[in-house]
Amino acid sequence: MINSVCIVGCGWFGLPLAKALEARGVKVYGSKRVQSEVLSLKEQGINGFRLDLDNDTQLIQDKAEIAEALAADCIVINIPPGLRKAPQAYLQRLTKLKQLMVANRYQKLIFVSTTGVYPQADKILAEADACAHSEISEKLLQAEAMFAELENSIIVRFAGLVGPKRHPGRFLAGKKDLSSASGAVNLVHLNDCILAVSALLFNRVSSDVYNVCAPVHPTRQAFYTYAAKALGFSEPQFLDDGLITESKAEGSINKVAKVSGKQISSERLCSELDFEFQFSDPIDMLLAC
């Protein structure tokens, strides 16, 4: 039985997950790097604790509090990679975290990764298709491997995240000469991320890696045009790649255009856990952003 969960990285995804788990009667520990944000967590009913993996002094000073939090029944590791800004820091932080966790045995260890581990291939991609196709993807896979070897570990790969304060209408609005007009959109809503991680925590699972991506993949041109319009922004302008066959019916959005590029599959999650997405189509996510 799961009575407590530690969430390392209690931010845009971690905090709503923490609240969802608290609502189920689970004691939740949540980490933040700054003490003022720790206090904010506590005000919201979360057992906040400070964890700054770049600050050895803090790790020593707060050793007892950190150890108590990390000793929860389960742990969810949700540290943003930030690989473009500091490519080496991510793995260094995870190495320190793993060292702090060494004394614990978890009922479930969930490591949050991304679908950035998949190459740009013109096909449907499942969990086994991950490969080191770039420097960033190589580091992402190294990070996964650090925790995949631990007992009861599950790697969760989120597609592009949308939700409150992350409306995709802002992503490409007003931009011109954009490529990959027919490229597939691979997104997932925050609510489905919470539902998926909760399902993996509280149910028996058969596999150790799961994609979490909405099963419907509209084209980039269709989706981002619609998303920009939804916010009243200027439409993005795409180069014609010769593959768009959109319906021009009034009030409709392209759901019949020929889609190209990689399409991330969540079939394993859906079939093994009987999981149903709350937002299976990115178009429907726009009303909940």
C-alpha atoms as a PDB file:
ATOM      1  CA  MET A   1       0.000   0.000   0.000  1.00  0.00           C
ATOM      2  CA  ILE A   2       1.278   3.452  -0.910  1.00  0.00           C
ATOM      3  CA  ASN A   3       1.033   5.896   1.980  1.00  0.00           C
ATOM      4  CA  SER A   4       3.627   8.469   0.957  1.00  0.00           C
ATOM      5  CA  VAL A   5       5.186   9.826  -2.230  1.00  0.00           C
ATOM      6  CA  CYS A   6       8.167  12.121  -2.671  1.00  0.00           C
ATOM      7  CA  ILE A   7       8.122  14.410  -5.711  1.00  0.00           C
ATOM      8  CA  VAL A   8      11.551  15.756  -6.599  1.00  0.00           C
ATOM      9  CA  GLY A   9      10.802  18.890  -8.576  1.00  0.00           C
ATOM     10  CA  CYS A  10       7.466  20.272  -7.434  1.00  0.00           C
ATOM     11  CA  GLY A  11       6.853  22.790 -10.202  1.00  0.00           C
ATOM     12  CA  TRP A  12       4.470  23.139 -13.150  1.00  0.00           C
ATOM     13  CA  PHE A  13       3.787  19.397 -13.269  1.00  0.00           C
ATOM     14  CA  GLY A  14       4.957  18.311  -9.833  1.00  0.00           C
ATOM     15  CA  LEU A  15       2.720  20.603  -7.804  1.00  0.00           C
ATOM     16  CA  PRO A  16      -0.586  19.624  -9.492  1.00  0.00           C
ATOM     17  CA  LEU A  17       0.485  15.980  -9.173  1.00  0.00           C
ATOM     18  CA  ALA A  18       1.163  16.545  -5.483  1.00  0.00           C
ATOM     19  CA  LYS A  19      -2.313  18.038  -4.988  1.00  0.00           C
ATOM     20  CA  ALA A  20      -3.922  15.133  -6.842  1.00  0.00           C
ATOM     21  CA  LEU A  21      -2.099  12.621  -4.632  1.00  0.00           C
ATOM     22  CA  GLU A  22      -2.988  14.565  -1.470  1.00  0.00           C
ATOM     23  CA  ALA A  23      -6.635  14.376  -2.527  1.00  0.00           C
ATOM     24  CA  ARG A  24      -6.276  10.590  -2.518  1.00  0.00           C
ATOM     25  CA  GLY A  25      -5.076  10.645   1.092  1.00  0.00           C
ATOM     26  CA  VAL A  26      -1.393  10.186   0.256  1.00  0.00           C
ATOM     27  CA  LYS A  27       1.233  12.045   2.279  1.00  0.00           C
ATOM     28  CA  VAL A  28       3.275  14.018  -0.233  1.00  0.00           C
ATOM     29  CA  TYR A  29       6.752  15.464   0.092  1.00  0.00           C
ATOM     30  CA  GLY A  30       7.710  18.028  -2.542  1.00  0.00           C
ATOM     31  CA  SER A  31      11.090  19.598  -3.212  1.00  0.00           C
ATOM     32  CA  LYS A  32      11.979  23.133  -4.250  1.00  0.00           C
ATOM     33  CA  ARG A  33      15.394  24.717  -4.612  1.00  0.00           C
ATOM     34  CA  VAL A  34      14.499  27.979  -2.854  1.00  0.00           C
ATOM     35  CA  GLN A  35      13.315  28.194   0.746  1.00  0.00           C
ATOM     36  CA  SER A  36      10.583  30.756   0.039  1.00  0.00           C
ATOM     37  CA  GLU A  37       9.037  28.303  -2.447  1.00  0.00           C
ATOM     38  CA  VAL A  38       9.287  25.532   0.136  1.00  0.00           C
ATOM     39  CA  LEU A  39       7.179  27.662   2.476  1.00  0.00           C
ATOM     40  CA  SER A  40       4.661  28.176  -0.324  1.00  0.00           C
ATOM     41  CA  LEU A  41       4.339  24.406  -0.718  1.00  0.00           C
ATOM     42  CA  LYS A  42       3.684  24.017   2.993  1.00  0.00           C
ATOM     43  CA  GLU A  43       0.964  26.663   2.826  1.00  0.00           C
ATOM     44  CA  GLN A  44      -0.734  24.493   0.183  1.00  0.00           C
ATOM     45  CA  GLY A  45      -0.660  21.389   2.362  1.00  0.00           C
ATOM     46  CA  ILE A  46       2.425  19.787   0.811  1.00  0.00           C
ATOM     47  CA  ASN A  47       5.331  18.665   2.984  1.00  0.00           C
ATOM     48  CA  GLY A  48       7.817  20.924   1.276  1.00  0.00           C
ATOM     49  CA  PHE A  49      11.556  20.501   1.695  1.00  0.00           C
ATOM     50  CA  ARG A  50      14.533  22.269   0.218  1.00  0.00           C
ATOM     51  CA  LEU A  51      16.698  20.334  -2.225  1.00  0.00           C
ATOM     52  CA  ASP A  52      19.320  22.258  -4.180  1.00  0.00           C
ATOM     53  CA  LEU A  53      21.462  19.684  -5.939  1.00  0.00           C
ATOM     54  CA  ASP A  54      23.912  22.414  -6.961  1.00  0.00           C
ATOM     55  CA  ASN A  55      24.521  23.432  -3.344  1.00  0.00           C
ATOM     56  CA  ASP A  56      26.545  20.907  -1.336  1.00  0.00           C
ATOM     57  CA  THR A  57      26.358  23.090   1.760  1.00  0.00           C
ATOM     58  CA  GLN A  58      22.568  23.017   1.717  1.00  0.00           C
ATOM     59  CA  LEU A  59      22.540  19.266   1.168  1.00  0.00           C
ATOM     60  CA  ILE A  60      24.640  18.821   4.307  1.00  0.00           C
ATOM     61  CA  GLN A  61      22.744  21.360   6.414  1.00  0.00           C
ATOM     62  CA  ASP A  62      19.335  19.875   5.590  1.00  0.00           C
ATOM     63  CA  LYS A  63      20.509  16.258   5.472  1.00  0.00           C
ATOM     64  CA  ALA A  64      17.985  14.929   7.983  1.00  0.00           C
ATOM     65  CA  GLU A  65      14.977  16.640   6.380  1.00  0.00           C
ATOM     66  CA  ILE A  66      16.040  15.520   2.914  1.00  0.00           C
ATOM     67  CA  ALA A  67      16.552  11.942   4.100  1.00  0.00           C
ATOM     68  CA  GLU A  68      13.084  11.858   5.663  1.00  0.00           C
ATOM     69  CA  ALA A  69      11.441  13.064   2.447  1.00  0.00           C
ATOM     70  CA  LEU A  70      13.382  10.691   0.201  1.00  0.00           C
ATOM     71  CA  ALA A  71      12.400   7.762   2.419  1.00  0.00           C
ATOM     72  CA  ALA A  72       8.801   7.874   1.151  1.00  0.00           C
ATOM     73  CA  ASP A  73       7.120   4.725  -0.177  1.00  0.00           C
ATOM     74  CA  CYS A  74       7.431   5.976  -3.761  1.00  0.00           C
ATOM     75  CA  ILE A  75       9.396   8.675  -5.540  1.00  0.00           C
ATOM     76  CA  VAL A  76       8.692  10.711  -8.676  1.00  0.00           C
ATOM     77  CA  ILE A  77      11.788  12.372 -10.141  1.00  0.00           C
ATOM     78  CA  ASN A  78      10.812  15.380 -12.211  1.00  0.00           C
ATOM     79  CA  ILE A  79      13.895  17.526 -12.735  1.00  0.00           C
ATOM     80  CA  PRO A  80      13.836  19.702 -15.884  1.00  0.00           C
ATOM     81  CA  PRO A  81      16.833  18.776 -18.069  1.00  0.00           C
ATOM     82  CA  GLY A  82      17.740  22.313 -19.199  1.00  0.00           C
ATOM     83  CA  LEU A  83      20.310  20.715 -21.480  1.00  0.00           C
ATOM     84  CA  ARG A  84      20.660  23.617 -23.904  1.00  0.00           C
ATOM     85  CA  LYS A  85      21.744  26.011 -21.149  1.00  0.00           C
ATOM     86  CA  ALA A  86      23.852  23.655 -19.028  1.00  0.00           C
ATOM     87  CA  PRO A  87      24.384  20.291 -20.742  1.00  0.00           C
ATOM     88  CA  GLN A  88      26.528  18.788 -17.979  1.00  0.00           C
ATOM     89  CA  ALA A  89      24.588  20.049 -14.950  1.00  0.00           C
ATOM     90  CA  TYR A  90      21.588  17.737 -15.476  1.00  0.00           C
ATOM     91  CA  LEU A  91      23.524  14.489 -15.141  1.00  0.00           C
ATOM     92  CA  GLN A  92      25.550  15.895 -12.256  1.00  0.00           C
ATOM     93  CA  ARG A  93      22.373  16.756 -10.354  1.00  0.00           C
ATOM     94  CA  LEU A  94      20.885  13.337 -10.994  1.00  0.00           C
ATOM     95  CA  THR A  95      24.072  11.646  -9.823  1.00  0.00           C
ATOM     96  CA  LYS A  96      23.884  13.505  -6.525  1.00  0.00           C
ATOM     97  CA  LEU A  97      20.212  12.671  -6.152  1.00  0.00           C
ATOM     98  CA  LYS A  98      20.850   8.991  -6.763  1.00  0.00           C
ATOM     99  CA  GLN A  99      23.515   9.030  -4.071  1.00  0.00           C
ATOM    100  CA  LEU A 100      21.047  10.588  -1.614  1.00  0.00           C
ATOM    101  CA  MET A 101      18.492   7.882  -2.474  1.00  0.00           C
ATOM    102  CA  VAL A 102      20.862   4.938  -2.134  1.00  0.00           C
ATOM    103  CA  ALA A 103      19.590   3.717   1.243  1.00  0.00           C
ATOM    104  CA  ASN A 104      15.948   3.520   0.148  1.00  0.00           C
ATOM    105  CA  ARG A 105      13.891   0.806  -1.530  1.00  0.00           C
ATOM    106  CA  TYR A 106      10.835   2.149  -3.304  1.00  0.00           C
ATOM    107  CA  GLN A 107       7.551   0.482  -4.133  1.00  0.00           C
ATOM    108  CA  LYS A 108       7.639   2.572  -7.312  1.00  0.00           C
ATOM    109  CA  LEU A 109      10.327   4.862  -8.701  1.00  0.00           C
ATOM    110  CA  ILE A 110       9.053   7.003 -11.560  1.00  0.00           C
ATOM    111  CA  PHE A 111      11.566   8.981 -13.583  1.00  0.00           C
ATOM    112  CA  VAL A 112      10.046  11.652 -15.827  1.00  0.00           C
ATOM    113  CA  SER A 113      11.797  11.893 -19.183  1.00  0.00           C
ATOM    114  CA  THR A 114      10.781  13.245 -22.588  1.00  0.00           C
ATOM    115  CA  THR A 115      10.024  12.029 -26.091  1.00  0.00           C
ATOM    116  CA  GLY A 116      13.114  13.937 -27.185  1.00  0.00           C
ATOM    117  CA  VAL A 117      14.812  10.519 -27.139  1.00  0.00           C
ATOM    118  CA  TYR A 118      13.114   9.668 -30.448  1.00  0.00           C
ATOM    119  CA  PRO A 119      14.672  10.548 -33.803  1.00  0.00           C
ATOM    120  CA  GLN A 120      12.974  12.509 -36.575  1.00  0.00           C
ATOM    121  CA  ALA A 121      11.612   9.520 -38.444  1.00  0.00           C
ATOM    122  CA  ASP A 122       8.603   9.424 -40.727  1.00  0.00           C
ATOM    123  CA  LYS A 123       6.757   6.726 -38.794  1.00  0.00           C
ATOM    124  CA  ILE A 124       4.977   5.771 -35.592  1.00  0.00           C
ATOM    125  CA  LEU A 125       7.473   5.468 -32.748  1.00  0.00           C
ATOM    126  CA  ALA A 126       7.118   3.182 -29.733  1.00  0.00           C
ATOM    127  CA  GLU A 127       9.216   2.909 -26.589  1.00  0.00           C
ATOM    128  CA  ALA A 128      11.828   0.603 -28.148  1.00  0.00           C
ATOM    129  CA  ASP A 129      12.606   3.144 -30.884  1.00  0.00           C
ATOM    130  CA  ALA A 130      14.534   5.529 -28.617  1.00  0.00           C
ATOM    131  CA  CYS A 131      18.120   6.145 -29.701  1.00  0.00           C
ATOM    132  CA  ALA A 132      20.967   8.598 -29.199  1.00  0.00           C
ATOM    133  CA  HIS A 133      20.448  10.651 -32.356  1.00  0.00           C
ATOM    134  CA  SER A 134      21.882  13.883 -30.941  1.00  0.00           C
ATOM    135  CA  GLU A 135      23.945  15.158 -28.026  1.00  0.00           C
ATOM    136  CA  ILE A 136      20.789  16.071 -26.115  1.00  0.00           C
ATOM    137  CA  SER A 137      19.076  12.733 -26.711  1.00  0.00           C
ATOM    138  CA  GLU A 138      22.249  10.943 -25.642  1.00  0.00           C
ATOM    139  CA  LYS A 139      22.213  12.727 -22.296  1.00  0.00           C
ATOM    140  CA  LEU A 140      18.493  12.088 -21.860  1.00  0.00           C
ATOM    141  CA  LEU A 141      19.088   8.368 -22.360  1.00  0.00           C
ATOM    142  CA  GLN A 142      22.017   8.440 -19.958  1.00  0.00           C
ATOM    143  CA  ALA A 143      19.754  10.029 -17.371  1.00  0.00           C
ATOM    144  CA  GLU A 144      17.097   7.359 -17.905  1.00  0.00           C
ATOM    145  CA  ALA A 145      19.692   4.590 -17.590  1.00  0.00           C
ATOM    146  CA  MET A 146      20.845   5.905 -14.208  1.00  0.00           C
ATOM    147  CA  PHE A 147      17.465   5.109 -12.699  1.00  0.00           C
ATOM    148  CA  ALA A 148      16.239   2.318 -14.977  1.00  0.00           C
ATOM    149  CA  GLU A 149      18.678  -0.019 -13.256  1.00  0.00           C
ATOM    150  CA  LEU A 150      17.065   0.538  -9.862  1.00  0.00           C
ATOM    151  CA  GLU A 151      14.376  -1.719  -8.428  1.00  0.00           C
ATOM    152  CA  ASN A 152      10.751  -1.014  -9.365  1.00  0.00           C
ATOM    153  CA  SER A 153      11.721   1.834 -11.689  1.00  0.00           C
ATOM    154  CA  ILE A 154       9.466   3.165 -14.446  1.00  0.00           C
ATOM    155  CA  ILE A 155      10.552   5.649 -17.095  1.00  0.00           C
ATOM    156  CA  VAL A 156       7.791   7.988 -18.272  1.00  0.00           C
ATOM    157  CA  ARG A 157       8.367   9.925 -21.481  1.00  0.00           C
ATOM    158  CA  PHE A 158       6.150  12.996 -21.818  1.00  0.00           C
ATOM    159  CA  ALA A 159       5.469  14.538 -25.212  1.00  0.00           C
ATOM    160  CA  GLY A 160       5.256  18.332 -25.521  1.00  0.00           C
ATOM    161  CA  LEU A 161       3.485  19.688 -22.454  1.00  0.00           C
ATOM    162  CA  VAL A 162       0.509  22.036 -22.628  1.00  0.00           C
ATOM    163  CA  GLY A 163      -1.943  23.227 -20.023  1.00  0.00           C
ATOM    164  CA  PRO A 164      -2.423  26.228 -17.709  1.00  0.00           C
ATOM    165  CA  LYS A 165       0.049  29.005 -18.626  1.00  0.00           C
ATOM    166  CA  ARG A 166       1.308  26.892 -21.545  1.00  0.00           C
ATOM    167  CA  HIS A 167      -1.137  27.627 -24.325  1.00  0.00           C
ATOM    168  CA  PRO A 168       0.420  26.459 -27.608  1.00  0.00           C
ATOM    169  CA  GLY A 169      -1.163  29.357 -29.488  1.00  0.00           C
ATOM    170  CA  ARG A 170       1.817  31.443 -28.392  1.00  0.00           C
ATOM    171  CA  PHE A 171       4.467  29.015 -29.627  1.00  0.00           C
ATOM    172  CA  LEU A 172       4.515  29.921 -33.342  1.00  0.00           C
ATOM    173  CA  ALA A 173       2.113  32.852 -33.618  1.00  0.00           C
ATOM    174  CA  GLY A 174       3.155  35.414 -36.220  1.00  0.00           C
ATOM    175  CA  LYS A 175       6.221  33.509 -37.387  1.00  0.00           C
ATOM    176  CA  LYS A 176       6.890  33.144 -41.096  1.00  0.00           C
ATOM    177  CA  ASP A 177       8.493  30.672 -43.492  1.00  0.00           C
ATOM    178  CA  LEU A 178       8.073  27.793 -41.081  1.00  0.00           C
ATOM    179  CA  SER A 179       9.025  24.333 -42.255  1.00  0.00           C
ATOM    180  CA  SER A 180       7.361  20.959 -41.710  1.00  0.00           C
ATOM    181  CA  ALA A 181       3.818  22.163 -42.332  1.00  0.00           C
ATOM    182  CA  SER A 182       2.606  18.567 -42.450  1.00  0.00           C
ATOM    183  CA  GLY A 183       4.720  17.418 -39.528  1.00  0.00           C
ATOM    184  CA  ALA A 184       2.849  15.556 -36.805  1.00  0.00           C
ATOM    185  CA  VAL A 185       2.036  17.313 -33.542  1.00  0.00           C
ATOM    186  CA  ASN A 186       2.986  15.311 -30.444  1.00  0.00           C
ATOM    187  CA  LEU A 187       1.486  16.924 -27.355  1.00  0.00           C
ATOM    188  CA  VAL A 188       0.002  15.930 -24.020  1.00  0.00           C
ATOM    189  CA  HIS A 189      -2.093  17.923 -21.562  1.00  0.00           C
ATOM    190  CA  LEU A 190      -1.044  18.379 -17.941  1.00  0.00           C
ATOM    191  CA  ASN A 191      -4.183  16.594 -16.732  1.00  0.00           C
ATOM    192  CA  ASP A 192      -3.281  13.468 -18.696  1.00  0.00           C
ATOM    193  CA  CYS A 193       0.263  13.529 -17.336  1.00  0.00           C
ATOM    194  CA  ILE A 194      -1.150  13.519 -13.811  1.00  0.00           C
ATOM    195  CA  LEU A 195      -3.596  10.731 -14.636  1.00  0.00           C
ATOM    196  CA  ALA A 196      -0.879   8.637 -16.283  1.00  0.00           C
ATOM    197  CA  VAL A 197       1.637   8.936 -13.455  1.00  0.00           C
ATOM    198  CA  SER A 198      -1.089   8.228 -10.898  1.00  0.00           C
ATOM    199  CA  ALA A 199      -2.116   5.131 -12.847  1.00  0.00           C
ATOM    200  CA  LEU A 200       1.480   3.914 -12.934  1.00  0.00           C
ATOM    201  CA  LEU A 201       1.865   4.511  -9.209  1.00  0.00           C
ATOM    202  CA  PHE A 202      -1.259   2.695  -8.092  1.00  0.00           C
ATOM    203  CA  ASN A 203      -1.498  -0.153 -10.598  1.00  0.00           C
ATOM    204  CA  ARG A 204       0.648  -3.135 -11.419  1.00  0.00           C
ATOM    205  CA  VAL A 205       2.553  -2.545 -14.626  1.00  0.00           C
ATOM    206  CA  SER A 206       4.116  -4.938 -17.099  1.00  0.00           C
ATOM    207  CA  SER A 207       6.737  -2.703 -18.697  1.00  0.00           C
ATOM    208  CA  ASP A 208       9.359  -0.286 -17.475  1.00  0.00           C
ATOM    209  CA  VAL A 209       9.061   2.500 -20.078  1.00  0.00           C
ATOM    210  CA  TYR A 210       5.887   4.308 -21.143  1.00  0.00           C
ATOM    211  CA  ASN A 211       5.160   7.110 -23.577  1.00  0.00           C
ATOM    212  CA  VAL A 212       2.534   9.668 -22.610  1.00  0.00           C
ATOM    213  CA  CYS A 213       1.351  11.446 -25.750  1.00  0.00           C
ATOM    214  CA  ALA A 214      -2.125  12.222 -27.068  1.00  0.00           C
ATOM    215  CA  PRO A 215      -3.065   9.586 -29.660  1.00  0.00           C
ATOM    216  CA  VAL A 216      -4.315  12.103 -32.260  1.00  0.00           C
ATOM    217  CA  HIS A 217      -1.624  13.880 -34.305  1.00  0.00           C
ATOM    218  CA  PRO A 218      -2.836  16.855 -36.356  1.00  0.00           C
ATOM    219  CA  THR A 219      -0.416  18.608 -38.715  1.00  0.00           C
ATOM    220  CA  ARG A 220       1.691  21.489 -37.424  1.00  0.00           C
ATOM    221  CA  GLN A 221       0.087  23.894 -39.876  1.00  0.00           C
ATOM    222  CA  ALA A 222      -3.460  22.972 -38.945  1.00  0.00           C
ATOM    223  CA  PHE A 223      -2.899  22.874 -35.208  1.00  0.00           C
ATOM    224  CA  TYR A 224      -0.774  25.969 -34.681  1.00  0.00           C
ATOM    225  CA  THR A 225      -2.923  28.035 -37.022  1.00  0.00           C
ATOM    226  CA  TYR A 226      -5.995  27.057 -35.027  1.00  0.00           C
ATOM    227  CA  ALA A 227      -4.191  27.599 -31.710  1.00  0.00           C
ATOM    228  CA  ALA A 228      -3.024  31.089 -32.656  1.00  0.00           C
ATOM    229  CA  LYS A 229      -6.535  32.037 -33.791  1.00  0.00           C
ATOM    230  CA  ALA A 230      -7.924  30.830 -30.474  1.00  0.00           C
ATOM    231  CA  LEU A 231      -5.900  33.539 -28.722  1.00  0.00           C
ATOM    232  CA  GLY A 232      -6.520  36.189 -31.350  1.00  0.00           C
ATOM    233  CA  PHE A 233      -2.878  36.145 -32.457  1.00  0.00           C
ATOM    234  CA  SER A 234      -1.495  36.360 -35.981  1.00  0.00           C
ATOM    235  CA  GLU A 235      -1.443  33.051 -37.781  1.00  0.00           C
ATOM    236  CA  PRO A 236       1.931  31.387 -38.364  1.00  0.00           C
ATOM    237  CA  GLN A 237       2.957  31.141 -42.014  1.00  0.00           C
ATOM    238  CA  PHE A 238       4.223  27.780 -43.226  1.00  0.00           C
ATOM    239  CA  LEU A 239       6.108  26.905 -46.360  1.00  0.00           C
ATOM    240  CA  ASP A 240       4.130  24.635 -48.664  1.00  0.00           C
ATOM    241  CA  ASP A 241       5.684  21.179 -48.472  1.00  0.00           C
ATOM    242  CA  GLY A 242       3.251  19.687 -50.975  1.00  0.00           C
ATOM    243  CA  LEU A 243       1.564  17.368 -48.504  1.00  0.00           C
ATOM    244  CA  ILE A 244      -1.241  19.481 -47.098  1.00  0.00           C
ATOM    245  CA  THR A 245      -4.716  18.418 -48.166  1.00  0.00           C
ATOM    246  CA  GLU A 246      -6.770  20.335 -45.649  1.00  0.00           C
ATOM    247  CA  SER A 247     -10.515  20.600 -45.581  1.00  0.00           C
ATOM    248  CA  LYS A 248     -11.630  24.179 -46.185  1.00  0.00           C
ATOM    249  CA  ALA A 249     -15.085  23.697 -44.714  1.00  0.00           C
ATOM    250  CA  GLU A 250     -16.126  26.695 -42.657  1.00  0.00           C
ATOM    251  CA  GLY A 251     -15.404  26.316 -38.975  1.00  0.00           C
ATOM    252  CA  SER A 252     -13.521  23.059 -39.451  1.00  0.00           C
ATOM    253  CA  ILE A 253      -9.963  22.204 -38.567  1.00  0.00           C
ATOM    254  CA  ASN A 254      -7.766  19.857 -40.535  1.00  0.00           C
ATOM    255  CA  LYS A 255      -8.172  16.304 -39.309  1.00  0.00           C
ATOM    256  CA  VAL A 256      -7.783  14.669 -42.696  1.00  0.00           C
ATOM    257  CA  ALA A 257      -4.521  16.215 -43.899  1.00  0.00           C
ATOM    258  CA  LYS A 258      -1.699  13.879 -44.668  1.00  0.00           C
ATOM    259  CA  VAL A 259       0.588  13.818 -41.650  1.00  0.00           C
ATOM    260  CA  SER A 260       4.319  13.262 -41.927  1.00  0.00           C
ATOM    261  CA  GLY A 261       7.176  12.846 -39.474  1.00  0.00           C
ATOM    262  CA  LYS A 262       7.318  11.053 -36.158  1.00  0.00           C
ATOM    263  CA  GLN A 263       4.150  10.145 -34.322  1.00  0.00           C
ATOM    264  CA  ILE A 264       4.698   9.116 -30.716  1.00  0.00           C
ATOM    265  CA  SER A 265       2.590   6.116 -29.722  1.00  0.00           C
ATOM    266  CA  SER A 266       1.086   5.648 -26.260  1.00  0.00           C
ATOM    267  CA  GLU A 267      -0.396   2.275 -27.179  1.00  0.00           C
ATOM    268  CA  ARG A 268       1.569   0.501 -24.443  1.00  0.00           C
ATOM    269  CA  LEU A 269       0.160   2.774 -21.741  1.00  0.00           C
ATOM    270  CA  CYS A 270      -3.385   2.458 -23.074  1.00  0.00           C
ATOM    271  CA  SER A 271      -3.343  -1.299 -23.569  1.00  0.00           C
ATOM    272  CA  GLU A 272      -1.508  -2.390 -20.432  1.00  0.00           C
ATOM    273  CA  LEU A 273      -3.267  -0.052 -17.998  1.00  0.00           C
ATOM    274  CA  ASP A 274      -6.551   0.379 -19.878  1.00  0.00           C
ATOM    275  CA  PHE A 275      -5.675   4.073 -19.845  1.00  0.00           C
ATOM    276  CA  GLU A 276      -7.930   6.629 -21.517  1.00  0.00           C
ATOM    277  CA  PHE A 277      -6.729  10.116 -22.330  1.00  0.00           C
ATOM    278  CA  GLN A 278      -8.883  12.973 -21.112  1.00  0.00           C
ATOM    279  CA  PHE A 279      -7.624  14.954 -24.113  1.00  0.00           C
ATOM    280  CA  SER A 280      -6.929  12.550 -26.963  1.00  0.00           C
ATOM    281  CA  ASP A 281      -6.847  15.340 -29.574  1.00  0.00           C
ATOM    282  CA  PRO A 282      -4.567  18.397 -29.145  1.00  0.00           C
ATOM    283  CA  ILE A 283      -7.325  20.590 -30.572  1.00  0.00           C
ATOM    284  CA  ASP A 284      -9.464  19.768 -27.550  1.00  0.00           C
ATOM    285  CA  MET A 285      -6.620  20.697 -25.193  1.00  0.00           C
ATOM    286  CA  LEU A 286      -6.846  24.350 -26.219  1.00  0.00           C
ATOM    287  CA  LEU A 287      -9.989  24.909 -24.154  1.00  0.00           C
ATOM    288  CA  ALA A 288      -8.146  23.710 -21.050  1.00  0.00           C
ATOM    289  CA  CYS A 289      -5.022  25.850 -21.373  1.00  0.00           C
END
